[in-house]
Each structure stands twice: as structure tokens, then as C-alpha cells.
PDB file of N, CA and C in Angstrom:
ATOM      1  N   MET A   1     111.959 -92.597  39.953  1.00  0.00           N
ATOM      2  CA  MET A   1     111.577 -91.391  39.542  1.00  0.00           C
ATOM      3  C   MET A   1     110.151 -90.833  39.981  1.00  0.00           C
ATOM      4  N   GLU A   2     109.304 -91.753  40.153  1.00  0.00           N
ATOM      5  CA  GLU A   2     107.887 -91.449  40.903  1.00  0.00           C
ATOM      6  C   GLU A   2     107.949 -90.910  42.231  1.00  0.00           C
ATOM      7  N   GLN A   3     109.068 -91.527  43.041  1.00  0.00           N
ATOM      8  CA  GLN A   3     109.358 -90.925  44.200  1.00  0.00           C
ATOM      9  C   GLN A   3     109.772 -89.730  44.272  1.00  0.00           C
ATOM     10  N   LYS A   4     110.653 -89.155  43.291  1.00  0.00           N
ATOM     11  CA  LYS A   4     111.227 -88.016  43.253  1.00  0.00           C
ATOM     12  C   LYS A   4     110.254 -86.971  42.892  1.00  0.00           C
ATOM     13  N   SER A   5     109.022 -87.196  41.973  1.00  0.00           N
ATOM     14  CA  SER A   5     108.122 -86.274  41.735  1.00  0.00           C
ATOM     15  C   SER A   5     107.076 -86.338  43.113  1.00  0.00           C
ATOM     16  N   THR A   6     106.980 -87.294  43.631  1.00  0.00           N
ATOM     17  CA  THR A   6     106.117 -87.268  44.860  1.00  0.00           C
ATOM     18  C   THR A   6     106.711 -86.425  45.965  1.00  0.00           C
ATOM     19  N   LEU A   7     107.876 -86.366  46.031  1.00  0.00           N
ATOM     20  CA  LEU A   7     108.740 -85.648  47.107  1.00  0.00           C
ATOM     21  C   LEU A   7     108.434 -84.174  46.574  1.00  0.00           C
ATOM     22  N   SER A   8     108.739 -83.884  45.457  1.00  0.00           N
ATOM     23  CA  SER A   8     108.804 -82.440  44.973  1.00  0.00           C
ATOM     24  C   SER A   8     107.224 -81.875  45.062  1.00  0.00           C
ATOM     25  N   LEU A   9     106.269 -82.554  44.955  1.00  0.00           N
ATOM     26  CA  LEU A   9     104.909 -82.283  45.287  1.00  0.00           C
ATOM     27  C   LEU A   9     104.621 -82.097  46.684  1.00  0.00           C
ATOM     28  N   LYS A  10     105.198 -83.130  47.435  1.00  0.00           N
ATOM     29  CA  LYS A  10     104.782 -82.696  48.977  1.00  0.00           C
ATOM     30  C   LYS A  10     105.680 -81.545  49.447  1.00  0.00           C
ATOM     31  N   LEU A  11     106.826 -81.270  48.746  1.00  0.00           N
ATOM     32  CA  LEU A  11     107.563 -80.104  49.336  1.00  0.00           C
ATOM     33  C   LEU A  11     107.033 -78.900  48.702  1.00  0.00           C
ATOM     34  N   ALA A  12     106.303 -78.800  47.537  1.00  0.00           N
ATOM     35  CA  ALA A  12     105.639 -77.630  47.112  1.00  0.00           C
ATOM     36  C   ALA A  12     104.355 -77.274  47.925  1.00  0.00           C
ATOM     37  N   VAL A  13     103.643 -78.300  48.163  1.00  0.00           N
ATOM     38  CA  VAL A  13     102.306 -78.138  49.015  1.00  0.00           C
ATOM     39  C   VAL A  13     102.879 -77.679  50.487  1.00  0.00           C
ATOM     40  N   MET A  14     103.798 -78.235  50.861  1.00  0.00           N
ATOM     41  CA  MET A  14     104.355 -77.962  52.411  1.00  0.00           C
ATOM     42  C   MET A  14     104.712 -76.292  52.291  1.00  0.00           C
ATOM     43  N   ALA A  15     105.418 -75.891  51.190  1.00  0.00           N
ATOM     44  CA  ALA A  15     105.727 -74.649  51.050  1.00  0.00           C
ATOM     45  C   ALA A  15     104.592 -73.624  50.965  1.00  0.00           C
ATOM     46  N   ILE A  16     103.556 -74.073  50.197  1.00  0.00           N
ATOM     47  CA  ILE A  16     102.532 -73.331  49.993  1.00  0.00           C
ATOM     48  C   ILE A  16     101.707 -73.055  51.374  1.00  0.00           C
ATOM     49  N   ALA A  17     101.713 -74.211  52.175  1.00  0.00           N
ATOM     50  CA  ALA A  17     100.922 -74.181  53.406  1.00  0.00           C
ATOM     51  C   ALA A  17     101.676 -73.447  54.368  1.00  0.00           C
ATOM     52  N   VAL A  18     102.922 -73.411  54.303  1.00  0.00           N
ATOM     53  CA  VAL A  18     103.852 -72.465  55.247  1.00  0.00           C
ATOM     54  C   VAL A  18     103.642 -71.083  54.953  1.00  0.00           C
ATOM     55  N   LEU A  19     103.715 -70.700  53.585  1.00  0.00           N
ATOM     56  CA  LEU A  19     103.413 -69.292  53.383  1.00  0.00           C
ATOM     57  C   LEU A  19     102.078 -68.852  53.601  1.00  0.00           C
ATOM     58  N   LEU A  20     101.035 -69.655  53.806  1.00  0.00           N
ATOM     59  CA  LEU A  20      99.644 -69.265  53.886  1.00  0.00           C
ATOM     60  C   LEU A  20      99.645 -69.018  55.415  1.00  0.00           C
ATOM     61  N   GLY A  21     100.270 -69.980  56.128  1.00  0.00           N
ATOM     62  CA  GLY A  21     100.181 -69.854  57.455  1.00  0.00           C
ATOM     63  C   GLY A  21     100.873 -68.448  57.903  1.00  0.00           C
ATOM     64  N   LEU A  22     102.021 -68.076  57.245  1.00  0.00           N
ATOM     65  CA  LEU A  22     102.787 -66.968  57.604  1.00  0.00           C
ATOM     66  C   LEU A  22     101.697 -65.668  57.344  1.00  0.00           C
ATOM     67  N   ALA A  23     101.027 -65.752  56.237  1.00  0.00           N
ATOM     68  CA  ALA A  23     100.244 -64.598  55.803  1.00  0.00           C
ATOM     69  C   ALA A  23      99.166 -64.560  56.807  1.00  0.00           C
ATOM     70  N   ALA A  24      98.502 -65.691  57.329  1.00  0.00           N
ATOM     71  CA  ALA A  24      97.394 -65.620  58.243  1.00  0.00           C
ATOM     72  C   ALA A  24      97.944 -65.137  59.605  1.00  0.00           C
ATOM     73  N   LEU A  25      99.028 -65.546  59.952  1.00  0.00           N
ATOM     74  CA  LEU A  25      99.628 -65.156  61.553  1.00  0.00           C
ATOM     75  C   LEU A  25     100.099 -63.558  61.268  1.00  0.00           C
ATOM     76  N   GLY A  26     100.549 -63.185  60.135  1.00  0.00           N
ATOM     77  CA  GLY A  26     100.772 -61.677  60.041  1.00  0.00           C
ATOM     78  C   GLY A  26      99.580 -60.692  60.432  1.00  0.00           C
ATOM     79  N   ASP A  27      98.391 -61.232  60.212  1.00  0.00           N
ATOM     80  CA  ASP A  27      97.246 -60.346  60.510  1.00  0.00           C
ATOM     81  C   ASP A  27      97.018 -60.439  62.172  1.00  0.00           C
ATOM     82  N   LEU A  28      97.306 -61.598  62.690  1.00  0.00           N
ATOM     83  CA  LEU A  28      97.280 -61.750  64.251  1.00  0.00           C
ATOM     84  C   LEU A  28      98.247 -60.539  64.868  1.00  0.00           C
ATOM     85  N   PHE A  29      99.539 -60.438  64.494  1.00  0.00           N
ATOM     86  CA  PHE A  29     100.295 -59.737  64.953  1.00  0.00           C
ATOM     87  C   PHE A  29     100.299 -58.119  64.594  1.00  0.00           C
ATOM     88  N   GLU A  30      99.673 -57.952  63.398  1.00  0.00           N
ATOM     89  CA  GLU A  30      99.722 -56.586  62.788  1.00  0.00           C
ATOM     90  C   GLU A  30      98.143 -56.402  62.327  1.00  0.00           C
ATOM     91  N   PRO A  31      97.277 -56.261  63.307  1.00  0.00           N
ATOM     92  CA  PRO A  31      95.753 -56.221  62.784  1.00  0.00           C
ATOM     93  C   PRO A  31      95.764 -54.953  62.037  1.00  0.00           C
ATOM     94  N   GLN A  32      94.769 -55.076  61.094  1.00  0.00           N
ATOM     95  CA  GLN A  32      94.440 -53.890  60.219  1.00  0.00           C
ATOM     96  C   GLN A  32      93.707 -52.990  60.850  1.00  0.00           C
ATOM     97  N   ALA A  33      93.901 -51.595  60.659  1.00  0.00           N
ATOM     98  CA  ALA A  33      93.264 -50.489  61.375  1.00  0.00           C
ATOM     99  C   ALA A  33      91.804 -50.477  61.033  1.00  0.00           C
ATOM    100  N   LYS A  34      90.895 -50.396  61.931  1.00  0.00           N
ATOM    101  CA  LYS A  34      89.527 -50.195  61.882  1.00  0.00           C
ATOM    102  C   LYS A  34      89.130 -48.692  61.780  1.00  0.00           C
ATOM    103  N   VAL A  35      88.581 -48.425  60.527  1.00  0.00           N
ATOM    104  CA  VAL A  35      88.149 -46.950  60.311  1.00  0.00           C
ATOM    105  C   VAL A  35      86.512 -46.950  60.146  1.00  0.00           C
ATOM    106  N   GLN A  36      85.894 -45.766  60.752  1.00  0.00           N
ATOM    107  CA  GLN A  36      84.791 -45.416  60.639  1.00  0.00           C
ATOM    108  C   GLN A  36      84.482 -44.128  59.922  1.00  0.00           C
ATOM    109  N   ALA A  37      83.485 -44.243  59.018  1.00  0.00           N
ATOM    110  CA  ALA A  37      83.422 -43.097  58.179  1.00  0.00           C
ATOM    111  C   ALA A  37      81.957 -42.518  58.670  1.00  0.00           C
ATOM    112  N   ASP A  38      81.998 -40.975  58.795  1.00  0.00           N
ATOM    113  CA  ASP A  38      80.506 -40.487  58.721  1.00  0.00           C
ATOM    114  C   ASP A  38      80.331 -39.750  57.333  1.00  0.00           C
ATOM    115  N   THR A  39      79.064 -39.572  57.248  1.00  0.00           N
ATOM    116  CA  THR A  39      78.576 -38.919  56.069  1.00  0.00           C
ATOM    117  C   THR A  39      79.072 -37.376  56.293  1.00  0.00           C
ATOM    118  N   ALA A  40      79.281 -36.730  55.202  1.00  0.00           N
ATOM    119  CA  ALA A  40      79.592 -35.272  55.103  1.00  0.00           C
ATOM    120  C   ALA A  40      78.593 -34.464  55.640  1.00  0.00           C
ATOM    121  N   ARG A  41      78.981 -33.246  55.958  1.00  0.00           N
ATOM    122  CA  ARG A  41      77.955 -32.453  56.746  1.00  0.00           C
ATOM    123  C   ARG A  41      76.768 -31.946  55.964  1.00  0.00           C
ATOM    124  N   PHE A  42      77.008 -31.732  54.498  1.00  0.00           N
ATOM    125  CA  PHE A  42      75.962 -31.352  53.760  1.00  0.00           C
ATOM    126  C   PHE A  42      75.710 -32.364  52.565  1.00  0.00           C
ATOM    127  N   ASP A  43      75.710 -33.600  52.913  1.00  0.00           N
ATOM    128  CA  ASP A  43      75.440 -34.788  52.002  1.00  0.00           C
ATOM    129  C   ASP A  43      74.148 -34.726  51.459  1.00  0.00           C
ATOM    130  N   HIS A  44      73.219 -34.225  52.205  1.00  0.00           N
ATOM    131  CA  HIS A  44      71.891 -34.281  51.708  1.00  0.00           C
ATOM    132  C   HIS A  44      71.461 -33.034  50.805  1.00  0.00           C
ATOM    133  N   VAL A  45      72.551 -32.135  50.429  1.00  0.00           N
ATOM    134  CA  VAL A  45      72.259 -30.952  49.309  1.00  0.00           C
ATOM    135  C   VAL A  45      72.921 -31.520  48.308  1.00  0.00           C
ATOM    136  N   GLN A  46      72.202 -31.215  47.200  1.00  0.00           N
ATOM    137  CA  GLN A  46      72.482 -31.476  45.702  1.00  0.00           C
ATOM    138  C   GLN A  46      72.241 -30.409  44.956  1.00  0.00           C
ATOM    139  N   ILE A  47      73.532 -30.043  44.115  1.00  0.00           N
ATOM    140  CA  ILE A  47      73.391 -28.978  43.096  1.00  0.00           C
ATOM    141  C   ILE A  47      72.735 -29.326  41.966  1.00  0.00           C
ATOM    142  N   VAL A  48      71.504 -28.601  41.827  1.00  0.00           N
ATOM    143  CA  VAL A  48      70.662 -29.048  40.704  1.00  0.00           C
ATOM    144  C   VAL A  48      71.196 -28.278  39.453  1.00  0.00           C
ATOM    145  N   SER A  49      71.483 -27.028  39.317  1.00  0.00           N
ATOM    146  CA  SER A  49      72.105 -26.178  38.389  1.00  0.00           C
ATOM    147  C   SER A  49      73.001 -25.225  39.134  1.00  0.00           C
ATOM    148  N   THR A  50      74.242 -25.095  38.301  1.00  0.00           N
ATOM    149  CA  THR A  50      75.209 -24.378  38.657  1.00  0.00           C
ATOM    150  C   THR A  50      75.048 -22.764  38.082  1.00  0.00           C
ATOM    151  N   THR A  51      74.098 -22.575  37.048  1.00  0.00           N
ATOM    152  CA  THR A  51      73.927 -21.560  36.418  1.00  0.00           C
ATOM    153  C   THR A  51      72.382 -21.289  36.276  1.00  0.00           C
ATOM    154  N   PHE A  52      71.724 -20.835  37.143  1.00  0.00           N
ATOM    155  CA  PHE A  52      70.075 -20.739  37.107  1.00  0.00           C
ATOM    156  C   PHE A  52      69.769 -19.198  37.209  1.00  0.00           C
ATOM    157  N   ILE A  53      68.852 -18.771  36.784  1.00  0.00           N
ATOM    158  CA  ILE A  53      68.566 -17.227  36.831  1.00  0.00           C
ATOM    159  C   ILE A  53      67.093 -17.297  37.367  1.00  0.00           C
ATOM    160  N   HIS A  54      67.218 -16.320  38.678  1.00  0.00           N
ATOM    161  CA  HIS A  54      66.079 -16.298  39.239  1.00  0.00           C
ATOM    162  C   HIS A  54      65.664 -14.747  39.513  1.00  0.00           C
ATOM    163  N   LYS A  55      64.548 -14.187  38.908  1.00  0.00           N
ATOM    164  CA  LYS A  55      64.258 -12.848  39.116  1.00  0.00           C
ATOM    165  C   LYS A  55      65.541 -12.089  38.501  1.00  0.00           C
ATOM    166  N   GLY A  56      65.950 -12.426  37.448  1.00  0.00           N
ATOM    167  CA  GLY A  56      67.130 -11.639  36.795  1.00  0.00           C
ATOM    168  C   GLY A  56      68.455 -11.758  37.333  1.00  0.00           C
ATOM    169  N   GLN A  57      68.560 -12.560  38.355  1.00  0.00           N
ATOM    170  CA  GLN A  57      69.909 -12.657  39.119  1.00  0.00           C
ATOM    171  C   GLN A  57      70.459 -14.077  38.876  1.00  0.00           C
ATOM    172  N   MET A  58      71.732 -14.414  38.551  1.00  0.00           N
ATOM    173  CA  MET A  58      72.200 -15.531  38.542  1.00  0.00           C
ATOM    174  C   MET A  58      72.585 -16.199  39.677  1.00  0.00           C
ATOM    175  N   GLY A  59      72.598 -17.576  39.705  1.00  0.00           N
ATOM    176  CA  GLY A  59      73.120 -18.137  40.934  1.00  0.00           C
ATOM    177  C   GLY A  59      72.939 -19.870  41.024  1.00  0.00           C
ATOM    178  N   LEU A  60      72.962 -20.580  42.132  1.00  0.00           N
ATOM    179  CA  LEU A  60      72.965 -21.897  42.226  1.00  0.00           C
ATOM    180  C   LEU A  60      71.556 -22.226  42.518  1.00  0.00           C
ATOM    181  N   LEU A  61      71.138 -23.626  41.997  1.00  0.00           N
ATOM    182  CA  LEU A  61      69.760 -24.147  42.386  1.00  0.00           C
ATOM    183  C   LEU A  61      70.151 -25.227  43.231  1.00  0.00           C
ATOM    184  N   LEU A  62      69.528 -25.407  44.478  1.00  0.00           N
ATOM    185  CA  LEU A  62      69.998 -26.498  45.317  1.00  0.00           C
ATOM    186  C   LEU A  62      68.916 -27.236  45.722  1.00  0.00           C
ATOM    187  N   LEU A  63      68.958 -28.492  45.909  1.00  0.00           N
ATOM    188  CA  LEU A  63      67.839 -29.419  46.271  1.00  0.00           C
ATOM    189  C   LEU A  63      68.303 -29.918  47.736  1.00  0.00           C
ATOM    190  N   ASP A  64      67.337 -29.867  48.729  1.00  0.00           N
ATOM    191  CA  ASP A  64      67.701 -30.621  49.978  1.00  0.00           C
ATOM    192  C   ASP A  64      66.879 -31.734  49.809  1.00  0.00           C
ATOM    193  N   ARG A  65      67.708 -32.998  49.914  1.00  0.00           N
ATOM    194  CA  ARG A  65      66.872 -34.348  49.645  1.00  0.00           C
ATOM    195  C   ARG A  65      66.289 -34.823  50.920  1.00  0.00           C
ATOM    196  N   ARG A  66      66.476 -34.193  52.008  1.00  0.00           N
ATOM    197  CA  ARG A  66      65.832 -34.572  53.070  1.00  0.00           C
ATOM    198  C   ARG A  66      64.346 -34.248  53.057  1.00  0.00           C
ATOM    199  N   ASN A  67      63.949 -33.126  52.454  1.00  0.00           N
ATOM    200  CA  ASN A  67      62.448 -32.790  52.635  1.00  0.00           C
ATOM    201  C   ASN A  67      62.189 -32.222  51.356  1.00  0.00           C
ATOM    202  N   GLY A  68      62.920 -32.215  50.249  1.00  0.00           N
ATOM    203  CA  GLY A  68      62.425 -31.804  48.891  1.00  0.00           C
ATOM    204  C   GLY A  68      62.321 -30.305  48.661  1.00  0.00           C
ATOM    205  N   ASN A  69      63.015 -29.421  49.519  1.00  0.00           N
ATOM    206  CA  ASN A  69      62.924 -28.039  49.514  1.00  0.00           C
ATOM    207  C   ASN A  69      64.013 -27.594  48.405  1.00  0.00           C
ATOM    208  N   VAL A  70      63.683 -26.858  47.509  1.00  0.00           N
ATOM    209  CA  VAL A  70      64.637 -26.232  46.432  1.00  0.00           C
ATOM    210  C   VAL A  70      64.801 -24.680  46.704  1.00  0.00           C
ATOM    211  N   TRP A  71      66.144 -24.476  46.868  1.00  0.00           N
ATOM    212  CA  TRP A  71      66.756 -23.132  47.102  1.00  0.00           C
ATOM    213  C   TRP A  71      67.442 -22.604  46.191  1.00  0.00           C
ATOM    214  N   PHE A  72      67.653 -21.118  46.080  1.00  0.00           N
ATOM    215  CA  PHE A  72      68.438 -20.331  45.129  1.00  0.00           C
ATOM    216  C   PHE A  72      69.250 -19.800  45.870  1.00  0.00           C
ATOM    217  N   VAL A  73      70.607 -19.592  45.465  1.00  0.00           N
ATOM    218  CA  VAL A  73      71.675 -18.982  46.054  1.00  0.00           C
ATOM    219  C   VAL A  73      72.205 -17.922  45.258  1.00  0.00           C
ATOM    220  N   GLN A  74      72.136 -16.663  45.200  1.00  0.00           N
ATOM    221  CA  GLN A  74      72.416 -15.758  44.375  1.00  0.00           C
ATOM    222  C   GLN A  74      74.079 -15.602  44.360  1.00  0.00           C
ATOM    223  N   MET A  75      74.685 -15.666  43.253  1.00  0.00           N
ATOM    224  CA  MET A  75      76.069 -15.260  43.121  1.00  0.00           C
ATOM    225  C   MET A  75      76.294 -13.461  43.085  1.00  0.00           C
ATOM    226  N   THR A  76      77.292 -13.234  43.712  1.00  0.00           N
ATOM    227  CA  THR A  76      77.458 -11.801  43.902  1.00  0.00           C
ATOM    228  C   THR A  76      78.524 -11.446  42.883  1.00  0.00           C
ATOM    229  N   SER A  77      78.704 -10.053  42.365  1.00  0.00           N
ATOM    230  CA  SER A  77      79.600  -9.819  41.708  1.00  0.00           C
ATOM    231  C   SER A  77      80.635  -8.920  42.477  1.00  0.00           C
ATOM    232  N   ASP A  78      80.298  -8.713  43.596  1.00  0.00           N
ATOM    233  CA  ASP A  78      81.357  -8.107  44.563  1.00  0.00           C
ATOM    234  C   ASP A  78      82.701  -8.761  45.008  1.00  0.00           C
ATOM    235  N   GLU A  79      83.769  -8.361  44.440  1.00  0.00           N
ATOM    236  CA  GLU A  79      84.945  -9.423  44.616  1.00  0.00           C
ATOM    237  C   GLU A  79      85.401  -9.110  46.169  1.00  0.00           C
ATOM    238  N   SER A  80      84.864  -8.050  46.801  1.00  0.00           N
ATOM    239  CA  SER A  80      85.480  -7.955  48.098  1.00  0.00           C
ATOM    240  C   SER A  80      85.044  -8.667  49.075  1.00  0.00           C
ATOM    241  N   ARG A  81      83.756  -9.477  48.874  1.00  0.00           N
ATOM    242  CA  ARG A  81      83.287 -10.536  49.772  1.00  0.00           C
ATOM    243  C   ARG A  81      84.096 -11.551  49.718  1.00  0.00           C
ATOM    244  N   LEU A  82      84.074 -12.292  50.939  1.00  0.00           N
ATOM    245  CA  LEU A  82      85.022 -13.532  51.163  1.00  0.00           C
ATOM    246  C   LEU A  82      84.255 -14.530  50.588  1.00  0.00           C
ATOM    247  N   VAL A  83      82.949 -14.607  50.737  1.00  0.00           N
ATOM    248  CA  VAL A  83      81.935 -15.589  50.176  1.00  0.00           C
ATOM    249  C   VAL A  83      81.215 -15.078  48.901  1.00  0.00           C
ATOM    250  N   PRO A  84      81.341 -15.490  47.598  1.00  0.00           N
ATOM    251  CA  PRO A  84      80.788 -14.830  46.581  1.00  0.00           C
ATOM    252  C   PRO A  84      79.251 -15.221  46.454  1.00  0.00           C
ATOM    253  N   PHE A  85      78.685 -15.503  47.384  1.00  0.00           N
ATOM    254  CA  PHE A  85      77.172 -15.869  47.566  1.00  0.00           C
ATOM    255  C   PHE A  85      76.474 -15.179  48.459  1.00  0.00           C
ATOM    256  N   LYS A  86      75.025 -14.975  48.236  1.00  0.00           N
ATOM    257  CA  LYS A  86      74.327 -14.254  49.154  1.00  0.00           C
ATOM    258  C   LYS A  86      73.593 -15.362  50.025  1.00  0.00           C
ATOM    259  N   ASP A  87      72.640 -14.897  50.895  1.00  0.00           N
ATOM    260  CA  ASP A  87      71.965 -15.953  51.637  1.00  0.00           C
ATOM    261  C   ASP A  87      71.022 -16.859  50.774  1.00  0.00           C
ATOM    262  N   PRO A  88      70.755 -18.070  50.931  1.00  0.00           N
ATOM    263  CA  PRO A  88      69.657 -18.717  50.296  1.00  0.00           C
ATOM    264  C   PRO A  88      68.306 -18.331  50.345  1.00  0.00           C
ATOM    265  N   VAL A  89      67.741 -18.442  49.040  1.00  0.00           N
ATOM    266  CA  VAL A  89      66.251 -18.017  48.954  1.00  0.00           C
ATOM    267  C   VAL A  89      65.395 -19.272  48.780  1.00  0.00           C
ATOM    268  N   PHE A  90      64.474 -19.493  49.743  1.00  0.00           N
ATOM    269  CA  PHE A  90      63.357 -20.746  49.338  1.00  0.00           C
ATOM    270  C   PHE A  90      62.439 -20.461  48.199  1.00  0.00           C
ATOM    271  N   LEU A  91      62.469 -21.410  47.278  1.00  0.00           N
ATOM    272  CA  LEU A  91      61.781 -21.356  46.065  1.00  0.00           C
ATOM    273  C   LEU A  91      60.260 -22.111  46.339  1.00  0.00           C
ATOM    274  N   ILE A  92      60.613 -23.561  46.516  1.00  0.00           N
ATOM    275  CA  ILE A  92      59.435 -24.317  46.383  1.00  0.00           C
ATOM    276  C   ILE A  92      59.867 -25.755  47.074  1.00  0.00           C
ATOM    277  N   ARG A  93      58.868 -26.474  47.447  1.00  0.00           N
ATOM    278  CA  ARG A  93      59.224 -27.711  48.162  1.00  0.00           C
ATOM    279  C   ARG A  93      58.435 -28.752  47.166  1.00  0.00           C
ATOM    280  N   VAL A  94      59.252 -29.850  46.676  1.00  0.00           N
ATOM    281  CA  VAL A  94      58.953 -30.704  45.707  1.00  0.00           C
ATOM    282  C   VAL A  94      58.393 -31.797  46.661  1.00  0.00           C
ATOM    283  N   PRO A  95      57.049 -32.347  46.327  1.00  0.00           N
ATOM    284  CA  PRO A  95      56.440 -33.450  47.266  1.00  0.00           C
ATOM    285  C   PRO A  95      57.040 -34.702  46.662  1.00  0.00           C
ATOM    286  N   PHE A  96      58.186 -35.300  47.289  1.00  0.00           N
ATOM    287  CA  PHE A  96      58.484 -36.426  46.933  1.00  0.00           C
ATOM    288  C   PHE A  96      57.765 -37.785  47.175  1.00  0.00           C
ATOM    289  N   GLU A  97      56.935 -37.331  48.296  1.00  0.00           N
ATOM    290  CA  GLU A  97      55.956 -38.702  48.505  1.00  0.00           C
ATOM    291  C   GLU A  97      54.738 -38.786  47.498  1.00  0.00           C
ATOM    292  N   LYS A  98      54.535 -37.989  46.739  1.00  0.00           N
ATOM    293  CA  LYS A  98      53.693 -38.223  45.651  1.00  0.00           C
ATOM    294  C   LYS A  98      54.302 -39.232  44.443  1.00  0.00           C
ATOM    295  N   LEU A  99      55.669 -39.430  44.688  1.00  0.00           N
ATOM    296  CA  LEU A  99      56.234 -40.154  43.377  1.00  0.00           C
ATOM    297  C   LEU A  99      55.922 -41.647  43.748  1.00  0.00           C
ATOM    298  N   ASP A 100      55.559 -41.978  45.163  1.00  0.00           N
ATOM    299  CA  ASP A 100      55.267 -43.403  45.412  1.00  0.00           C
ATOM    300  C   ASP A 100      53.778 -43.721  45.041  1.00  0.00           C
ATOM    301  N   GLN A 101      52.923 -42.912  44.856  1.00  0.00           N
ATOM    302  CA  GLN A 101      51.422 -43.055  44.372  1.00  0.00           C
ATOM    303  C   GLN A 101      51.346 -43.378  42.983  1.00  0.00           C
ATOM    304  N   ALA A 102      50.538 -44.460  42.830  1.00  0.00           N
ATOM    305  CA  ALA A 102      50.182 -44.765  41.418  1.00  0.00           C
ATOM    306  C   ALA A 102      49.596 -43.699  40.593  1.00  0.00           C
ATOM    307  N   PRO A 103      49.809 -43.529  39.137  1.00  0.00           N
ATOM    308  CA  PRO A 103      49.120 -42.588  38.455  1.00  0.00           C
ATOM    309  C   PRO A 103      47.544 -42.705  38.291  1.00  0.00           C
TER     310      PRO A 103
END
């Protein structure tokens, strides 16, 4: 009886080893595709507010995280325009470098 359980154990271990070997060889014959991702074109722009009023006009408030510039982009009510926004208007530069200084 002990010989039968030993044989079963050896067969189970051998089957596991063969399956693991097949899984490892599968990557050799079919290597996984290597992909490389670039950051998005405007990844540095963060929308601070989607409804911001500046000088009586409603629009978007944007932050350029590269340099701390804050921009206002006015929405237009003219439906004939392809893009419902006017050109951005510079509002202020936020001095991020002062955040590292001790109070």
C-alpha cells in the first residue's frame, strides 16, 4: 500500500513538473509583446474648476503643473463655433517653490 501511495505522489509531482515546464516553454515560443507608453500630450494640465466665473464670464480654470501658471478659458454661447471655448487668458502664477520652504 505504501508503494502505491509513493508511486501516486511521484506521478503527481512529475505531472506538475511537466505542466510547469510547458508553461515556461510557451513564453519562449510566443514571447509577450513589449509595449512602451508615452505620457499624454497635455498631461501637465489639470482642470481646477469646470465652472469658474472671471470678469462676469463663465469658463474653465486650468493649472499648468510644470510652472504653476493658472489659466482661464472662457466658454462661448455661440453654437456655430466648432470649439466652444475662446483662447486661454493668463491669470496668475502660483509659486510652487515656496511650498518647500519652512514657515
